[in-house]
N, C-alpha and C. Protein backbone atom coordinates (compact mmCIF):
# COMPACT_ATOMS: atom_id res chain seq x y z
N MET A 1 -9.52 -24.00 25.74
CA MET A 1 -9.92 -22.67 25.11
C MET A 1 -10.26 -21.62 25.90
N LYS A 2 -11.24 -21.91 26.92
CA LYS A 2 -11.72 -21.08 27.92
C LYS A 2 -10.69 -20.33 28.81
N PRO A 3 -9.81 -20.86 29.29
CA PRO A 3 -8.71 -20.16 30.01
C PRO A 3 -7.93 -19.18 29.23
N PHE A 4 -7.79 -19.62 27.84
CA PHE A 4 -7.08 -18.69 26.90
C PHE A 4 -7.96 -17.35 26.71
N LEU A 5 -9.26 -17.52 26.53
CA LEU A 5 -10.05 -16.27 26.38
C LEU A 5 -10.05 -15.51 27.56
N VAL A 6 -10.15 -16.11 28.82
CA VAL A 6 -10.14 -15.31 30.08
C VAL A 6 -8.71 -14.56 30.12
N LEU A 7 -7.63 -15.17 29.83
CA LEU A 7 -6.40 -14.45 29.88
C LEU A 7 -6.43 -13.39 28.80
N LEU A 8 -6.99 -13.58 27.68
CA LEU A 8 -7.00 -12.59 26.64
C LEU A 8 -7.72 -11.30 27.09
N ALA A 9 -8.91 -11.62 27.82
CA ALA A 9 -9.78 -10.61 28.26
C ALA A 9 -9.08 -9.74 29.33
N CYS A 10 -8.33 -10.43 30.14
CA CYS A 10 -7.69 -9.70 31.25
C CYS A 10 -6.50 -8.96 30.65
N CYS A 11 -5.81 -9.39 29.52
CA CYS A 11 -4.89 -8.67 28.87
C CYS A 11 -5.35 -7.35 28.31
N CYS A 12 -6.47 -7.49 27.70
CA CYS A 12 -7.20 -6.41 27.02
C CYS A 12 -7.60 -5.21 28.02
N ALA A 13 -8.06 -5.77 29.18
CA ALA A 13 -8.43 -4.94 30.30
C ALA A 13 -7.34 -4.08 30.78
N LEU A 14 -6.14 -4.74 30.86
CA LEU A 14 -4.96 -4.06 31.38
C LEU A 14 -4.49 -3.12 30.33
N ALA A 15 -4.54 -3.43 29.08
CA ALA A 15 -3.91 -2.62 28.20
C ALA A 15 -4.87 -1.32 27.78
N ALA A 16 -6.11 -1.44 28.05
CA ALA A 16 -6.87 -0.19 27.87
C ALA A 16 -6.59 0.93 28.49
N PRO A 17 -6.30 1.04 29.75
CA PRO A 17 -5.72 2.19 30.39
C PRO A 17 -4.53 2.80 29.80
N LEU A 18 -3.66 1.91 29.33
CA LEU A 18 -2.33 2.26 28.74
C LEU A 18 -2.66 2.96 27.49
N ARG A 19 -3.64 2.50 26.75
CA ARG A 19 -3.85 3.15 25.45
C ARG A 19 -4.55 4.49 25.59
N ALA A 20 -5.34 4.45 26.72
CA ALA A 20 -6.00 5.80 26.95
C ALA A 20 -5.09 6.76 27.57
N GLN A 21 -4.00 6.53 28.27
CA GLN A 21 -3.28 7.43 28.88
C GLN A 21 -2.46 8.29 27.90
N GLN A 22 -2.61 9.66 28.13
CA GLN A 22 -2.00 10.59 27.23
C GLN A 22 -0.62 10.74 27.57
N SER A 23 0.37 10.94 26.66
CA SER A 23 1.68 11.36 26.86
C SER A 23 1.90 12.84 26.96
N TRP A 24 3.02 13.29 27.48
CA TRP A 24 3.11 14.75 27.61
C TRP A 24 3.15 15.41 26.38
N GLU A 25 3.77 14.66 25.20
CA GLU A 25 3.82 15.06 24.00
C GLU A 25 2.54 15.38 23.36
N GLN A 26 1.60 14.47 23.52
CA GLN A 26 0.22 14.54 23.06
C GLN A 26 -0.47 15.72 23.72
N ALA A 27 -0.18 15.87 25.03
CA ALA A 27 -0.93 16.78 25.72
C ALA A 27 -0.37 18.30 25.29
N LEU A 28 0.82 18.48 24.96
CA LEU A 28 1.34 19.74 24.52
C LEU A 28 0.99 20.08 23.00
N ARG A 29 0.76 19.00 22.20
CA ARG A 29 0.36 19.08 20.83
C ARG A 29 -0.93 19.86 20.77
N GLN A 30 -1.76 19.69 21.73
CA GLN A 30 -3.22 20.16 21.77
C GLN A 30 -3.29 21.68 22.23
N MET A 31 -2.05 22.23 22.63
CA MET A 31 -1.94 23.73 23.03
C MET A 31 -1.56 24.57 21.95
N PRO A 32 -2.40 25.42 21.49
CA PRO A 32 -2.10 26.19 20.16
C PRO A 32 -1.10 27.41 20.62
N VAL A 33 -0.38 27.61 19.57
CA VAL A 33 0.73 28.68 19.71
C VAL A 33 0.52 29.56 18.36
N SER A 34 0.32 30.88 18.57
CA SER A 34 0.14 31.69 17.36
C SER A 34 1.32 31.79 16.34
N MET A 35 1.07 31.38 15.12
CA MET A 35 2.11 31.40 14.03
C MET A 35 2.43 32.87 13.63
N ASP A 36 1.67 33.78 14.22
CA ASP A 36 2.03 35.20 13.81
C ASP A 36 3.15 35.84 14.54
N THR A 37 3.53 35.18 15.56
CA THR A 37 4.74 35.76 16.25
C THR A 37 5.85 34.78 16.24
N ALA A 38 7.19 35.24 15.72
CA ALA A 38 8.27 34.43 15.81
C ALA A 38 8.77 34.28 17.05
N ILE A 39 9.28 32.93 17.44
CA ILE A 39 9.72 32.55 18.78
C ILE A 39 11.42 32.78 18.80
N ASN A 40 11.66 33.73 19.71
CA ASN A 40 13.01 34.14 19.84
C ASN A 40 13.50 34.04 21.22
N ARG A 41 14.73 34.31 21.56
CA ARG A 41 15.30 34.07 22.90
C ARG A 41 14.53 35.17 24.00
N ASP A 42 14.21 36.30 23.50
CA ASP A 42 13.78 37.36 24.29
C ASP A 42 12.32 37.20 24.50
N ASN A 43 11.51 36.36 23.78
CA ASN A 43 10.11 36.29 24.04
C ASN A 43 9.62 34.76 24.22
N CYS A 44 10.39 33.78 24.12
CA CYS A 44 10.01 32.46 24.24
C CYS A 44 9.49 32.07 25.49
N ILE A 45 10.11 32.46 26.57
CA ILE A 45 9.61 31.97 27.87
C ILE A 45 8.18 32.47 28.19
N ALA A 46 7.86 33.79 27.81
CA ALA A 46 6.63 34.41 27.96
C ALA A 46 5.70 33.58 26.98
N LEU A 47 5.97 33.40 25.98
CA LEU A 47 5.12 32.79 24.82
C LEU A 47 4.72 31.34 25.30
N PHE A 48 5.75 30.55 25.77
CA PHE A 48 5.44 29.16 26.15
C PHE A 48 4.60 29.14 27.44
N LEU A 49 4.90 29.89 28.37
CA LEU A 49 4.17 29.94 29.65
C LEU A 49 2.73 30.38 29.41
N THR A 50 2.58 31.28 28.53
CA THR A 50 1.09 31.83 28.24
C THR A 50 0.35 30.75 27.47
N ALA A 51 1.01 29.95 26.64
CA ALA A 51 0.36 28.85 25.84
C ALA A 51 -0.07 27.58 26.61
N PHE A 52 0.71 27.45 27.70
CA PHE A 52 0.39 26.10 28.60
C PHE A 52 -0.91 26.11 29.16
N GLN A 53 -1.54 25.08 28.84
CA GLN A 53 -2.97 24.89 29.25
C GLN A 53 -3.17 23.83 30.18
N SER A 54 -4.22 23.72 30.91
CA SER A 54 -4.66 22.52 31.83
C SER A 54 -4.77 21.44 31.12
N ASN A 55 -4.12 20.22 31.65
CA ASN A 55 -4.38 19.02 31.08
C ASN A 55 -4.19 17.88 32.19
N ASP A 56 -4.27 16.65 31.69
CA ASP A 56 -4.21 15.53 32.74
C ASP A 56 -2.85 14.96 33.02
N VAL A 57 -1.86 15.41 32.24
CA VAL A 57 -0.64 14.74 32.30
C VAL A 57 0.53 15.70 32.89
N VAL A 58 0.72 17.02 32.20
CA VAL A 58 1.72 17.94 32.71
C VAL A 58 0.95 19.02 33.55
N LYS A 59 1.36 19.05 34.84
CA LYS A 59 0.75 20.08 35.68
C LYS A 59 1.55 21.33 35.72
N ALA A 60 2.79 21.35 35.21
CA ALA A 60 3.47 22.64 35.27
C ALA A 60 4.52 22.57 34.23
N LEU A 61 4.75 23.76 33.49
CA LEU A 61 5.95 23.94 32.57
C LEU A 61 6.90 24.85 33.34
N VAL A 62 8.11 24.41 33.53
CA VAL A 62 9.07 25.14 34.36
C VAL A 62 10.31 25.35 33.60
N PHE A 63 10.75 26.58 33.47
CA PHE A 63 12.02 27.10 32.99
C PHE A 63 13.02 27.11 34.03
N LEU A 64 14.14 26.41 33.91
CA LEU A 64 15.18 26.46 35.07
C LEU A 64 16.23 27.54 34.68
N PRO A 65 17.05 28.11 35.75
CA PRO A 65 17.55 29.29 35.63
C PRO A 65 18.54 29.43 34.54
N ALA A 66 19.32 28.36 34.11
CA ALA A 66 20.41 28.49 33.11
C ALA A 66 19.77 28.97 31.85
N VAL A 67 18.51 28.67 31.46
CA VAL A 67 17.87 29.00 30.21
C VAL A 67 17.81 30.57 30.17
N SER A 68 17.17 31.17 31.17
CA SER A 68 17.03 32.68 31.23
C SER A 68 18.47 33.36 31.10
N ASP A 69 19.46 32.83 31.89
CA ASP A 69 20.66 33.34 31.87
C ASP A 69 21.30 33.36 30.47
N ASP A 70 21.16 32.15 29.83
CA ASP A 70 21.63 31.99 28.49
C ASP A 70 20.92 32.97 27.49
N PHE A 71 19.68 33.08 27.51
CA PHE A 71 18.96 33.91 26.57
C PHE A 71 19.10 35.40 26.74
N TYR A 72 18.98 35.72 28.14
CA TYR A 72 18.89 37.17 28.38
C TYR A 72 20.29 37.85 28.66
N LEU A 73 21.35 36.97 28.92
CA LEU A 73 22.68 37.52 29.15
C LEU A 73 23.68 37.05 28.24
N LEU A 74 23.97 35.84 28.09
CA LEU A 74 25.07 35.24 27.42
C LEU A 74 24.94 35.30 25.95
N ASN A 75 23.67 35.04 25.41
CA ASN A 75 23.43 34.95 24.02
C ASN A 75 22.59 35.98 23.57
N ARG A 76 22.20 37.04 24.28
CA ARG A 76 21.30 37.95 23.79
C ARG A 76 21.61 38.69 22.51
N ASP A 77 22.78 38.74 22.06
CA ASP A 77 23.24 39.50 20.99
C ASP A 77 23.43 38.54 19.78
N ARG A 78 23.06 37.32 19.96
CA ARG A 78 23.30 36.35 18.78
C ARG A 78 22.00 36.62 17.70
N PRO A 79 22.23 36.17 16.57
CA PRO A 79 21.22 36.27 15.49
C PRO A 79 19.86 35.73 16.08
N LYS A 80 18.84 36.32 15.63
CA LYS A 80 17.53 35.91 15.95
C LYS A 80 17.21 34.35 15.52
N LEU A 81 16.35 33.75 16.47
CA LEU A 81 16.05 32.38 15.99
C LEU A 81 14.97 32.25 15.02
N ASN A 82 13.88 33.11 15.17
CA ASN A 82 12.83 33.34 14.23
C ASN A 82 12.10 31.96 13.98
N LEU A 83 11.83 31.23 15.08
CA LEU A 83 11.06 29.95 15.03
C LEU A 83 9.76 30.11 14.84
N ARG A 84 9.05 29.21 14.16
CA ARG A 84 7.59 29.17 14.04
C ARG A 84 6.94 27.85 14.37
N ALA A 85 5.85 27.90 15.12
CA ALA A 85 5.18 26.58 15.54
C ALA A 85 3.77 27.02 15.70
N ASP A 86 2.94 25.94 15.49
CA ASP A 86 1.30 26.25 15.61
C ASP A 86 0.81 25.57 16.93
N ASN A 87 1.75 24.85 17.65
CA ASN A 87 1.40 24.28 18.84
C ASN A 87 2.61 24.25 19.78
N LEU A 88 2.30 23.90 21.12
CA LEU A 88 3.32 24.05 22.11
C LEU A 88 4.48 23.04 21.93
N LEU A 89 4.07 21.73 21.51
CA LEU A 89 4.98 20.60 21.27
C LEU A 89 6.02 21.00 20.18
N SER A 90 5.44 21.51 19.12
CA SER A 90 6.26 21.99 17.84
C SER A 90 7.15 23.10 18.37
N ALA A 91 6.68 23.93 19.19
CA ALA A 91 7.53 25.11 19.67
C ALA A 91 8.68 24.59 20.58
N VAL A 92 8.26 23.63 21.58
CA VAL A 92 9.45 22.99 22.30
C VAL A 92 10.47 22.36 21.31
N ALA A 93 9.93 21.54 20.42
CA ALA A 93 10.83 20.95 19.51
C ALA A 93 11.80 21.81 18.62
N ALA A 94 11.22 22.88 18.22
CA ALA A 94 11.93 23.80 17.50
C ALA A 94 12.98 24.51 18.37
N LEU A 95 12.60 24.81 19.52
CA LEU A 95 13.62 25.36 20.44
C LEU A 95 14.81 24.59 20.92
N THR A 96 14.51 23.30 21.23
CA THR A 96 15.40 22.26 21.45
C THR A 96 16.36 21.96 20.40
N ASN A 97 15.86 21.99 19.17
CA ASN A 97 16.74 21.77 18.04
C ASN A 97 17.67 23.00 17.62
N ALA A 98 17.13 24.16 17.97
CA ALA A 98 18.01 25.26 17.61
C ALA A 98 18.94 25.80 18.66
N THR A 99 18.66 25.29 19.88
CA THR A 99 19.52 25.78 21.02
C THR A 99 20.09 24.62 21.86
N ALA A 100 20.78 24.92 23.03
CA ALA A 100 21.08 23.91 23.85
C ALA A 100 20.09 23.51 24.87
N VAL A 101 18.88 24.09 24.75
CA VAL A 101 17.78 23.84 25.73
C VAL A 101 17.32 22.37 25.54
N ARG A 102 17.10 21.74 26.57
CA ARG A 102 16.55 20.37 26.73
C ARG A 102 15.27 20.32 27.33
N ALA A 103 14.41 19.32 26.96
CA ALA A 103 13.15 19.09 27.55
C ALA A 103 13.02 17.80 28.42
N THR A 104 12.76 17.85 29.63
CA THR A 104 12.81 16.67 30.30
C THR A 104 11.54 16.58 31.17
N PHE A 105 10.72 15.47 31.06
CA PHE A 105 9.47 15.27 31.82
C PHE A 105 9.80 14.58 33.04
N LYS A 106 9.54 15.33 34.12
CA LYS A 106 9.73 14.67 35.54
C LYS A 106 8.46 14.80 36.06
N PRO A 107 7.51 13.89 36.08
CA PRO A 107 6.15 13.98 36.44
C PRO A 107 6.06 14.56 37.96
N PRO A 108 5.16 15.69 37.98
CA PRO A 108 4.24 16.11 37.08
C PRO A 108 4.63 17.48 36.30
N PHE A 109 5.94 17.59 36.28
CA PHE A 109 6.60 18.84 35.65
C PHE A 109 7.17 18.50 34.24
N LEU A 110 7.11 19.41 33.23
CA LEU A 110 7.94 19.47 32.10
C LEU A 110 8.94 20.56 32.31
N LEU A 111 10.25 20.16 32.42
CA LEU A 111 11.39 21.08 32.60
C LEU A 111 11.98 21.42 31.28
N LEU A 112 12.21 22.65 31.15
CA LEU A 112 13.06 23.18 30.07
C LEU A 112 14.35 23.75 30.59
N HIS A 113 15.35 23.13 30.31
CA HIS A 113 16.73 23.49 31.12
C HIS A 113 17.92 23.23 30.20
N LEU A 114 19.16 23.61 30.61
CA LEU A 114 20.38 23.43 30.12
C LEU A 114 21.01 22.25 30.87
N GLU A 115 22.08 21.80 30.32
CA GLU A 115 22.79 20.57 30.92
C GLU A 115 23.31 21.05 32.32
N ARG A 116 23.73 22.29 32.62
CA ARG A 116 24.22 22.59 33.83
C ARG A 116 23.06 22.84 34.93
N ASP A 117 21.94 22.83 34.43
CA ASP A 117 20.82 23.08 35.56
C ASP A 117 20.78 21.69 36.45
N GLN A 118 20.28 22.08 37.57
CA GLN A 118 19.88 20.92 38.52
C GLN A 118 18.46 20.56 38.40
N ILE A 119 18.20 19.44 37.94
CA ILE A 119 16.79 19.08 37.67
C ILE A 119 16.11 18.28 38.73
N GLU A 120 16.65 18.26 39.83
CA GLU A 120 15.79 17.65 40.98
C GLU A 120 15.59 18.82 42.15
N PRO A 121 14.24 18.93 42.48
CA PRO A 121 14.12 19.94 43.50
C PRO A 121 14.63 19.68 44.86
N ASN A 122 14.74 20.66 45.79
CA ASN A 122 15.36 20.51 47.17
C ASN A 122 14.45 21.04 47.91
N VAL A 123 13.51 20.24 48.58
CA VAL A 123 12.67 20.78 49.65
C VAL A 123 12.80 19.78 50.87
N VAL A 124 13.01 20.44 52.08
CA VAL A 124 13.38 19.61 53.17
C VAL A 124 12.35 19.92 54.23
N ALA A 125 11.63 18.74 54.66
CA ALA A 125 10.56 18.93 55.68
C ALA A 125 11.17 18.82 57.03
N LYS A 126 11.25 19.89 57.89
CA LYS A 126 11.73 19.75 59.24
C LYS A 126 10.60 19.81 60.20
N HIS A 127 9.35 20.00 59.71
CA HIS A 127 8.14 20.03 60.67
C HIS A 127 7.05 19.29 59.94
N ARG A 128 6.87 18.07 60.37
CA ARG A 128 5.87 17.19 59.67
C ARG A 128 4.57 17.72 59.42
N PRO A 129 4.01 18.25 60.58
CA PRO A 129 2.62 18.62 60.53
C PRO A 129 2.37 19.80 59.43
N THR A 130 3.27 20.73 59.43
CA THR A 130 3.23 21.90 58.36
C THR A 130 3.51 21.23 57.10
N ALA A 131 4.37 20.35 56.74
CA ALA A 131 4.58 19.66 55.55
C ALA A 131 3.31 18.93 55.01
N GLU A 132 2.72 18.19 56.09
CA GLU A 132 1.47 17.49 55.69
C GLU A 132 0.28 18.32 55.35
N ARG A 133 0.20 19.45 56.08
CA ARG A 133 -0.85 20.50 55.71
C ARG A 133 -0.59 20.98 54.29
N LEU A 134 0.55 21.33 53.90
CA LEU A 134 0.89 21.87 52.62
C LEU A 134 0.62 20.84 51.51
N LYS A 135 0.91 19.54 51.85
CA LYS A 135 0.61 18.46 50.81
C LYS A 135 -0.91 18.44 50.59
N GLY A 136 -1.65 18.83 51.60
CA GLY A 136 -3.16 18.55 51.36
C GLY A 136 -3.79 19.82 50.93
N GLN A 137 -3.13 20.94 50.57
CA GLN A 137 -3.68 22.10 50.17
C GLN A 137 -3.42 22.42 48.71
N CYS A 138 -4.28 23.25 48.11
CA CYS A 138 -4.19 23.62 46.70
C CYS A 138 -4.53 25.21 46.66
N ASP A 139 -3.57 26.05 46.98
CA ASP A 139 -3.93 27.39 47.21
C ASP A 139 -3.40 28.26 46.12
N VAL A 140 -2.66 27.82 45.20
CA VAL A 140 -2.08 28.61 44.06
C VAL A 140 -2.57 27.90 42.78
N THR A 141 -3.82 27.98 42.32
CA THR A 141 -4.34 27.03 41.26
C THR A 141 -3.75 27.22 39.90
N HIS A 142 -3.61 28.60 39.48
CA HIS A 142 -3.06 28.78 38.18
C HIS A 142 -2.14 29.88 38.10
N PRO A 143 -0.79 29.70 38.69
CA PRO A 143 0.21 30.61 38.63
C PRO A 143 0.93 30.70 37.13
N VAL A 144 1.10 31.83 36.61
CA VAL A 144 1.77 32.14 35.45
C VAL A 144 2.85 33.19 35.80
N TRP A 145 3.94 32.69 36.22
CA TRP A 145 5.17 33.69 36.61
C TRP A 145 6.14 33.74 35.60
N THR A 146 6.30 34.95 34.98
CA THR A 146 7.33 35.17 33.93
C THR A 146 8.32 36.18 34.64
N ASP A 147 9.53 35.78 34.69
CA ASP A 147 10.59 36.63 35.23
C ASP A 147 10.24 37.26 36.47
N MET A 148 9.60 36.31 37.38
CA MET A 148 9.13 36.94 38.58
C MET A 148 10.22 36.95 39.63
N HIS A 149 10.50 38.29 40.18
CA HIS A 149 11.52 38.50 41.10
C HIS A 149 11.06 38.09 42.57
N TRP A 150 11.92 37.74 43.43
CA TRP A 150 11.51 37.26 44.78
C TRP A 150 10.63 38.33 45.53
N GLN A 151 11.06 39.57 45.28
CA GLN A 151 10.34 40.62 46.05
C GLN A 151 8.86 40.62 45.68
N ARG A 152 8.45 40.21 44.53
CA ARG A 152 7.08 40.14 44.20
C ARG A 152 6.47 38.83 44.61
N LEU A 153 7.27 37.65 44.43
CA LEU A 153 6.75 36.39 44.67
C LEU A 153 6.44 35.99 46.24
N GLN A 154 7.43 36.55 47.11
CA GLN A 154 7.40 36.32 48.49
C GLN A 154 5.99 36.52 49.07
N PRO A 155 5.43 37.81 48.86
CA PRO A 155 4.03 38.06 49.44
C PRO A 155 3.00 37.18 48.91
N ILE A 156 3.11 36.72 47.70
CA ILE A 156 2.11 35.80 47.02
C ILE A 156 2.08 34.53 47.85
N ILE A 157 3.22 33.94 47.83
CA ILE A 157 3.32 32.69 48.59
C ILE A 157 2.82 32.78 50.12
N HIS A 158 3.32 33.92 50.79
CA HIS A 158 2.95 34.04 52.21
C HIS A 158 1.36 34.26 52.34
N THR A 159 0.80 34.88 51.47
CA THR A 159 -0.75 34.97 51.53
C THR A 159 -1.51 33.82 51.18
N ALA A 160 -1.00 33.21 50.06
CA ALA A 160 -1.80 32.07 49.60
C ALA A 160 -1.65 30.86 50.54
N MET A 161 -0.49 30.62 51.07
CA MET A 161 -0.26 29.30 51.84
C MET A 161 -0.39 29.52 53.40
N ASN A 162 -0.67 30.93 53.79
CA ASN A 162 -0.78 31.19 55.10
C ASN A 162 0.44 30.75 55.97
N VAL A 163 1.56 31.02 55.59
CA VAL A 163 2.75 30.62 56.32
C VAL A 163 3.77 31.82 56.39
N GLU A 164 4.55 31.99 57.37
CA GLU A 164 5.65 32.84 57.22
C GLU A 164 6.67 32.43 56.09
N VAL A 165 7.07 33.37 55.28
CA VAL A 165 8.02 33.05 54.20
C VAL A 165 9.24 33.94 54.34
N LEU A 166 10.44 33.28 54.35
CA LEU A 166 11.72 33.93 54.66
C LEU A 166 12.67 33.58 53.54
N PRO A 167 13.43 34.49 53.01
CA PRO A 167 13.69 35.90 53.52
C PRO A 167 12.52 36.78 52.96
N ALA A 168 12.44 38.06 53.83
CA ALA A 168 11.49 38.89 53.36
C ALA A 168 11.73 39.43 51.98
N GLY A 169 10.79 39.86 51.30
CA GLY A 169 10.93 40.30 49.74
C GLY A 169 12.06 41.08 49.47
N PRO A 170 12.41 42.16 50.20
CA PRO A 170 13.49 43.01 49.79
C PRO A 170 14.90 42.69 50.36
N SER A 171 14.95 41.56 51.03
CA SER A 171 16.11 41.10 51.83
C SER A 171 17.26 40.85 50.90
N ARG A 172 18.44 41.23 51.33
CA ARG A 172 19.68 41.00 50.52
C ARG A 172 19.96 39.57 50.46
N LYS A 173 19.44 38.71 51.33
CA LYS A 173 19.58 37.17 51.21
C LYS A 173 18.90 36.60 49.99
N ALA A 174 18.02 37.35 49.37
CA ALA A 174 17.33 36.91 48.14
C ALA A 174 17.91 37.46 46.90
N TRP A 175 18.96 38.23 46.91
CA TRP A 175 19.47 38.94 45.70
C TRP A 175 19.95 38.00 44.60
N HIS A 176 20.49 36.86 45.03
CA HIS A 176 20.97 35.91 44.06
C HIS A 176 19.99 34.81 43.80
N PHE A 177 18.80 34.83 44.18
CA PHE A 177 17.77 33.87 43.70
C PHE A 177 17.53 34.24 42.18
N ALA A 178 17.34 33.07 41.57
CA ALA A 178 17.03 33.27 40.18
C ALA A 178 15.55 33.77 39.89
N ARG A 179 15.29 34.54 38.78
CA ARG A 179 13.88 34.93 38.45
C ARG A 179 13.08 33.69 38.27
N HIS A 180 11.82 33.65 38.69
CA HIS A 180 10.97 32.42 38.57
C HIS A 180 10.13 32.50 37.19
N ASN A 181 10.32 31.27 36.53
CA ASN A 181 9.58 31.21 35.34
C ASN A 181 8.76 29.92 35.27
N LEU A 182 7.44 29.92 35.50
CA LEU A 182 6.74 28.73 35.38
C LEU A 182 5.28 28.96 35.14
N ALA A 183 4.49 28.10 34.71
CA ALA A 183 3.06 28.16 34.44
C ALA A 183 2.54 26.83 34.99
N ALA A 184 1.46 26.81 35.75
CA ALA A 184 0.98 25.54 36.33
C ALA A 184 -0.49 25.52 36.41
N TRP A 185 -1.14 24.40 36.55
CA TRP A 185 -2.60 24.29 36.71
C TRP A 185 -2.70 23.25 37.90
N ASN A 186 -3.52 23.68 38.93
CA ASN A 186 -4.05 22.64 39.84
C ASN A 186 -2.82 22.02 40.61
N LEU A 187 -1.74 22.76 40.96
CA LEU A 187 -0.63 22.11 41.79
C LEU A 187 -1.17 22.21 43.21
N GLY A 188 -0.65 21.25 44.00
CA GLY A 188 -0.82 21.32 45.43
C GLY A 188 0.30 22.19 45.90
N ASP A 189 0.03 22.81 47.13
CA ASP A 189 1.06 23.71 47.73
C ASP A 189 2.51 23.11 47.72
N TRP A 190 2.55 21.77 48.14
CA TRP A 190 3.84 21.07 48.20
C TRP A 190 4.43 21.03 46.78
N GLU A 191 3.62 20.93 45.74
CA GLU A 191 4.16 20.77 44.37
C GLU A 191 4.67 22.28 43.96
N VAL A 192 4.06 23.22 44.35
CA VAL A 192 4.48 24.54 44.12
C VAL A 192 5.72 24.80 44.66
N LEU A 193 6.03 24.26 45.91
CA LEU A 193 7.34 24.50 46.48
C LEU A 193 8.40 23.67 45.70
N LEU A 194 8.13 22.54 45.14
CA LEU A 194 9.21 21.84 44.48
C LEU A 194 9.37 22.50 43.07
N ALA A 195 8.46 23.12 42.41
CA ALA A 195 8.60 23.88 41.23
C ALA A 195 9.42 25.13 41.63
N LEU A 196 9.12 25.86 42.59
CA LEU A 196 9.92 27.05 42.99
C LEU A 196 11.26 26.76 43.29
N SER A 197 11.63 25.69 43.90
CA SER A 197 13.05 25.28 44.23
C SER A 197 13.77 24.98 42.88
N LEU A 198 13.13 24.38 41.87
CA LEU A 198 13.78 24.23 40.55
C LEU A 198 14.00 25.57 39.81
N THR A 199 12.98 26.35 39.64
CA THR A 199 13.07 27.43 38.79
C THR A 199 13.97 28.79 39.48
N GLY A 200 13.87 28.77 40.89
CA GLY A 200 14.50 29.80 41.52
C GLY A 200 15.88 29.46 42.04
N ASN A 201 16.39 28.17 41.74
CA ASN A 201 17.54 27.57 42.26
C ASN A 201 17.83 27.80 43.64
N THR A 202 16.76 27.27 44.39
CA THR A 202 16.64 27.50 45.88
C THR A 202 16.37 26.31 46.59
N MET A 203 16.84 26.10 47.93
CA MET A 203 16.48 25.13 48.72
C MET A 203 15.27 25.60 49.64
N VAL A 204 14.30 24.89 49.88
CA VAL A 204 13.11 25.17 50.73
C VAL A 204 13.15 24.36 51.83
N THR A 205 13.20 24.94 53.08
CA THR A 205 13.15 24.29 54.27
C THR A 205 11.74 24.55 54.86
N VAL A 206 11.03 23.42 55.15
CA VAL A 206 9.74 23.71 55.80
C VAL A 206 9.83 23.44 57.24
N GLN A 207 9.53 24.64 58.03
CA GLN A 207 9.62 24.64 59.44
C GLN A 207 8.17 24.73 59.98
N LYS A 208 7.98 24.88 61.38
CA LYS A 208 6.65 24.98 61.92
C LYS A 208 5.98 26.25 61.32
N GLU A 209 5.06 26.20 60.48
CA GLU A 209 4.38 27.24 59.96
C GLU A 209 5.18 28.36 59.36
N ARG A 210 6.43 27.98 58.72
CA ARG A 210 7.34 28.84 58.03
C ARG A 210 7.95 28.05 56.97
N LEU A 211 8.29 28.80 55.88
CA LEU A 211 9.07 28.36 54.78
C LEU A 211 10.28 29.32 54.64
N VAL A 212 11.46 28.71 54.58
CA VAL A 212 12.76 29.36 54.51
C VAL A 212 13.39 29.01 53.18
N PHE A 213 13.55 30.05 52.23
CA PHE A 213 14.33 29.83 51.14
C PHE A 213 15.63 30.32 51.15
N GLU A 214 16.60 29.55 50.51
CA GLU A 214 17.95 30.00 50.55
C GLU A 214 18.63 29.39 49.26
N LEU A 215 19.60 30.17 48.93
CA LEU A 215 20.36 29.75 47.68
C LEU A 215 20.79 28.36 47.73
N ARG A 216 20.51 27.63 46.67
CA ARG A 216 20.69 26.18 46.53
C ARG A 216 22.14 25.84 46.51
N LYS A 217 22.36 24.72 47.48
CA LYS A 217 23.70 24.15 47.54
C LYS A 217 23.81 22.70 46.82
N THR A 218 22.92 21.98 46.86
CA THR A 218 22.93 20.61 46.21
C THR A 218 21.67 20.48 45.51
N GLY A 219 21.64 19.24 44.70
CA GLY A 219 20.48 19.01 43.85
C GLY A 219 19.62 17.81 44.51
N LYS A 220 19.83 17.51 45.82
CA LYS A 220 19.32 16.44 46.48
C LYS A 220 17.73 16.69 46.84
N LEU A 221 16.89 15.85 46.55
CA LEU A 221 15.58 15.96 47.06
C LEU A 221 15.40 15.30 48.22
N VAL A 222 14.81 16.10 49.35
CA VAL A 222 14.60 15.37 50.65
C VAL A 222 13.16 15.51 50.97
N HIS A 223 12.49 14.47 51.32
CA HIS A 223 11.11 14.55 51.72
C HIS A 223 10.94 14.76 53.31
């Protein structure tokens, strides 16, 4: 009988952390959304990003480029959605039920995307010391970037991470980068780069004290 009791105690000890671990759905359910504002294609990105709060499971809410293209360009003249929700989980569920948007949790990110989006980031480390330094830093603690153009984002990354960032803000090489839509809490600098690759549809190459962004060619993630 004693061995059985020991085994039972061990099983209970292992199960306790699993019971305590919060799911991404539970985390979003605790984030309030105002019922006073109807959720529509022209405002849902800003509403969701503003509602996203710090938690222990989801470190960033990231909209991928096809969503904003679909909402702002392809379907901007369609009838209003007029969705209502009192928390972020209900809002995500309502949006995914009413549109082709999908929600995919790829820790530590919750991605809102369409089927045609590439949901794997593309960050290539060509200079290990610089990459390791970025992995050990947390310089952009709470970004909320809604429809952020590269010309505004590039100097923010340059100043925060203390690296050269190419292309320069007004460069023609950045004209086809997608607008950046994400909210995050307590991301490390390396995680910020992963999120930017996703939302901007870019590949990021880490060189010696330099980050080079370019329009994405593949969905492959390289460490």
